[in-house]
Structure formats: C-alpha cells, structure tokens
Protein backbone atom coordinates (compact mmCIF):
# COMPACT_ATOMS: atom_id res chain seq x y z
CA MET A 1 -48.50 27.59 10.07
CA ASN A 2 -46.79 28.76 6.92
CA THR A 3 -43.00 28.58 7.05
CA THR A 4 -42.42 30.41 3.76
CA ASN A 5 -41.07 33.88 4.34
CA VAL A 6 -39.55 36.52 2.10
CA GLU A 7 -36.49 38.41 3.22
CA ASP A 8 -35.82 41.89 1.83
CA ASN A 9 -32.31 42.32 3.15
CA ASP A 10 -30.20 40.88 0.34
CA VAL A 11 -27.75 42.98 -1.71
CA ASN A 12 -29.86 43.23 -4.87
CA GLU A 13 -33.07 43.88 -2.91
CA THR A 14 -34.82 41.15 -4.88
CA GLY A 15 -36.01 39.14 -1.89
CA THR A 16 -35.35 35.47 -1.31
CA THR A 17 -37.73 32.69 -0.51
CA SER A 18 -37.03 30.15 2.19
CA GLU A 19 -39.16 27.10 2.94
CA CYS A 20 -37.39 26.20 6.15
CA PRO A 21 -38.53 27.37 9.56
CA SER A 22 -37.66 30.96 10.32
CA SER A 23 -35.03 29.86 12.85
CA GLY A 24 -32.60 29.35 9.96
CA ARG A 25 -32.35 25.59 10.41
CA CYS A 26 -33.87 22.91 8.22
CA PRO A 27 -35.95 20.19 9.85
CA VAL A 28 -34.19 16.91 10.44
CA ASP A 29 -36.26 15.09 7.80
CA GLN A 30 -35.07 17.55 5.10
CA GLN A 31 -31.37 17.45 5.94
CA HIS A 32 -28.89 15.65 3.68
CA ARG A 33 -28.00 12.22 4.93
CA PRO A 34 -25.05 10.08 3.94
CA SER A 35 -25.89 7.57 1.23
CA ARG A 36 -24.19 4.67 3.01
CA HIS A 37 -26.54 1.93 4.12
CA ALA A 38 -26.68 1.20 7.82
CA THR A 39 -25.51 -2.38 7.29
CA ALA A 40 -22.51 -1.47 5.10
CA GLU A 41 -20.21 -0.17 7.82
CA ALA A 42 -16.52 0.11 7.09
CA ILE A 43 -14.41 -2.52 8.78
CA ARG A 44 -11.37 -1.01 10.42
CA LEU A 45 -8.23 -3.06 10.00
CA VAL A 46 -6.06 -3.66 13.03
CA TRP A 47 -2.40 -3.52 11.98
CA THR A 48 -0.79 -6.28 14.02
CA LYS A 49 2.91 -6.53 14.69
CA GLU A 50 3.16 -9.43 12.22
CA ILE A 51 1.57 -7.33 9.46
CA ASN A 52 3.88 -4.44 10.32
CA VAL A 53 6.88 -6.78 9.98
CA LEU A 54 5.58 -7.85 6.55
CA ILE A 55 5.17 -4.20 5.56
CA MET A 56 8.77 -3.47 6.50
CA GLU A 57 10.00 -6.56 4.64
CA CYS A 58 8.25 -5.25 1.53
CA PHE A 59 9.73 -1.81 2.21
CA TYR A 60 13.30 -3.12 2.33
CA LEU A 61 12.76 -5.47 -0.63
CA GLY A 62 11.46 -2.47 -2.59
CA LYS A 63 14.91 -0.88 -2.20
CA PRO A 64 13.99 2.69 -1.25
CA PHE A 65 17.68 3.67 -1.13
CA SER A 66 20.60 2.84 -3.40
CA GLU A 67 23.83 1.35 -2.06
CA ASN A 68 25.28 4.83 -1.52
CA GLY A 69 22.22 5.94 0.49
CA LYS A 70 20.47 8.05 -2.14
CA PRO A 71 16.69 7.67 -2.54
CA GLN A 72 15.70 5.55 -5.54
CA ARG A 73 12.78 6.19 -7.83
CA GLY A 74 10.01 3.64 -8.15
CA TYR A 75 10.38 1.99 -4.75
CA ARG A 76 6.69 2.58 -3.93
CA GLN A 77 5.58 0.61 -6.98
CA ARG A 78 8.07 -2.16 -6.20
CA MET A 79 6.94 -2.26 -2.57
CA HIS A 80 3.27 -2.47 -3.60
CA ARG A 81 4.00 -5.21 -6.17
CA ILE A 82 5.84 -7.25 -3.51
CA TRP A 83 2.93 -6.73 -1.08
CA ASN A 84 0.45 -8.00 -3.69
CA GLU A 85 2.66 -11.01 -4.51
CA ARG A 86 2.59 -12.02 -0.86
CA GLY A 87 -1.22 -11.92 -0.95
CA VAL A 88 -1.85 -10.86 2.64
CA PHE A 89 -4.84 -8.64 1.84
CA PRO A 90 -5.49 -6.08 -0.88
CA ALA A 91 -4.32 -2.57 -0.07
CA LYS A 92 -3.53 0.48 -2.16
CA GLU A 93 0.03 1.61 -2.76
CA GLN A 94 -0.50 4.82 -0.79
CA ARG A 95 -1.84 2.93 2.26
CA ILE A 96 1.11 0.51 2.32
CA CYS A 97 3.62 3.36 2.06
CA ASP A 98 1.80 5.38 4.73
CA GLN A 99 1.92 2.40 7.08
CA ALA A 100 5.66 1.90 6.50
CA ARG A 101 6.28 5.57 7.24
CA ALA A 102 4.12 5.42 10.39
CA ILE A 103 5.99 2.33 11.63
CA ARG A 104 9.32 4.13 11.32
CA LYS A 105 8.07 7.49 12.62
CA ASN A 106 6.00 6.26 15.58
CA GLY A 107 8.37 3.52 16.71
CA TRP A 108 5.85 0.68 16.38
CA LEU A 109 8.85 -1.55 15.71
CA THR A 110 12.07 -0.90 17.59
CA ASP A 111 15.26 0.11 15.81
CA ILE A 112 16.68 -3.32 16.63
CA GLU A 113 13.66 -5.05 15.06
CA LEU A 114 13.89 -2.85 11.97
CA GLU A 115 17.60 -3.53 11.59
CA SER A 116 16.99 -7.26 12.06
CA ILE A 117 14.32 -7.24 9.33
CA LYS A 118 16.60 -5.27 7.03
CA GLN A 119 19.56 -7.63 7.54
CA ARG A 120 17.36 -10.72 7.08
CA VAL A 121 15.87 -9.35 3.86
CA LEU A 122 19.28 -8.36 2.50
CA SER A 123 20.86 -11.73 3.37
CA GLU A 124 17.95 -13.63 1.76
CA GLU A 125 18.29 -11.44 -1.30
CA ILE A 126 22.05 -12.06 -1.48
CA ASN A 127 21.61 -15.84 -1.05
CA HIS A 128 18.88 -15.91 -3.68
CA GLY A 129 20.98 -13.72 -5.97
CA GLU A 130 24.03 -15.99 -5.63
CA SER A 131 22.13 -19.04 -6.84
CA ASP A 132 20.91 -17.07 -9.87
CA LEU A 133 24.42 -15.76 -10.44
CA GLU A 134 25.93 -19.27 -10.32
CA ARG A 135 23.62 -20.42 -13.12
CA GLU A 136 24.50 -17.37 -15.21
CA GLU A 137 28.25 -17.86 -14.69
CA VAL A 138 28.12 -21.45 -15.89
CA GLY A 139 26.05 -20.34 -18.88
CA CYS A 140 23.58 -23.16 -18.35
CA ASP A 141 19.96 -23.27 -19.24
CA LEU A 142 17.42 -26.05 -18.80
CA THR A 143 15.47 -26.97 -21.92
CA MET A 144 11.90 -28.25 -21.87
CA ASN A 145 12.95 -31.94 -22.10
CA GLY A 146 15.31 -31.74 -19.11
CA GLU A 147 18.56 -31.30 -20.99
CA MET A 148 21.01 -28.83 -19.56
CA ARG A 149 22.32 -26.71 -22.36
CA ASN A 150 25.78 -25.27 -21.88
CA GLU A 151 27.80 -23.18 -24.25
CA ASN A 152 30.45 -25.92 -24.35
CA HIS A 153 28.54 -29.21 -24.10
CA ARG A 154 25.17 -30.84 -23.44
CA THR A 155 24.33 -33.11 -20.52
CA LYS A 156 21.13 -34.91 -19.62
CA ILE A 157 19.57 -34.18 -16.21
CA ASP A 158 16.94 -36.43 -14.64
CA ILE A 159 14.13 -34.32 -13.25
C-alpha cells in the first residue's frame, strides 16, 4: 500500500506531497521523541521545613528592604551568594527567590515563624556587627606575627 498522496487543495494549487498515512497522523515510529535518556530522569527536590527556614534566613540576610521599608536593589544577588556560602545544595538565583516568595505567599511558614527567623537573623547580625565595630573603634589591627597594632601604641598578643 502506497501512503504517498498528492493534495490539490492548497492556495497556490501546486500540490503537496505527504508520506504519512492519509489519516493525517504520522506513525508512532516517525514521531519526534524527547532526547532525554530513559535512565536520566530528573530528581524532584522536596523542600522540607528546615530548607524553607534556611531560605528565609538567606532572604532576611540579603536585606530586601531598607530600614525605612523601601525595597533595596541587589537583594537577590546577596541572597543567592549567602545561599551558596551555606553550601546546602546548588540552586539558581531565580529558584531560591521563587521559593522565598512561595513560602511567604502560600503560608508554608507561619507569620510567627517568619517573624522569629527575622528577629533571630537581625539580632545575630547586630551582635556580629558590634564585635566588628568594637575593633574599628579601638583602631586595632592584628599583624601577621601576632602583634596588635594600635594608633597609639603596640602590644604583643599571644595567639
């Protein structure tokens, strides 16, 4: 049986040739198949509550809003950098930001949990910032051989 047929009903009346069956469908063996191998299936990640908490910690550390509540530029990059520094698993910036938005929008963490995370992150940041600030106020700097250099005098520190 020959499946080649010529159709005369096109606009230019030139006729077209089709090698598929006359039903208009191509046989299964001639259809386009995805190029993915059967063994290379995508592994779907399950976003646990612990991972969601880490996402929100990165979100708040990325400082999406300034102190007066205005959105800040560059928080996505900061958030992604913080995520990568923690080394949980590799994820793209867009995916991390989408997950943070979904957590807030869908209520996967309660408002109380979100506020608790925010306060904890801010207090850790303040405590960490105070220790840095104390060193800057004194004007001290440690040299390579363990001497503490001060603008006024030098002292030796045993390390």
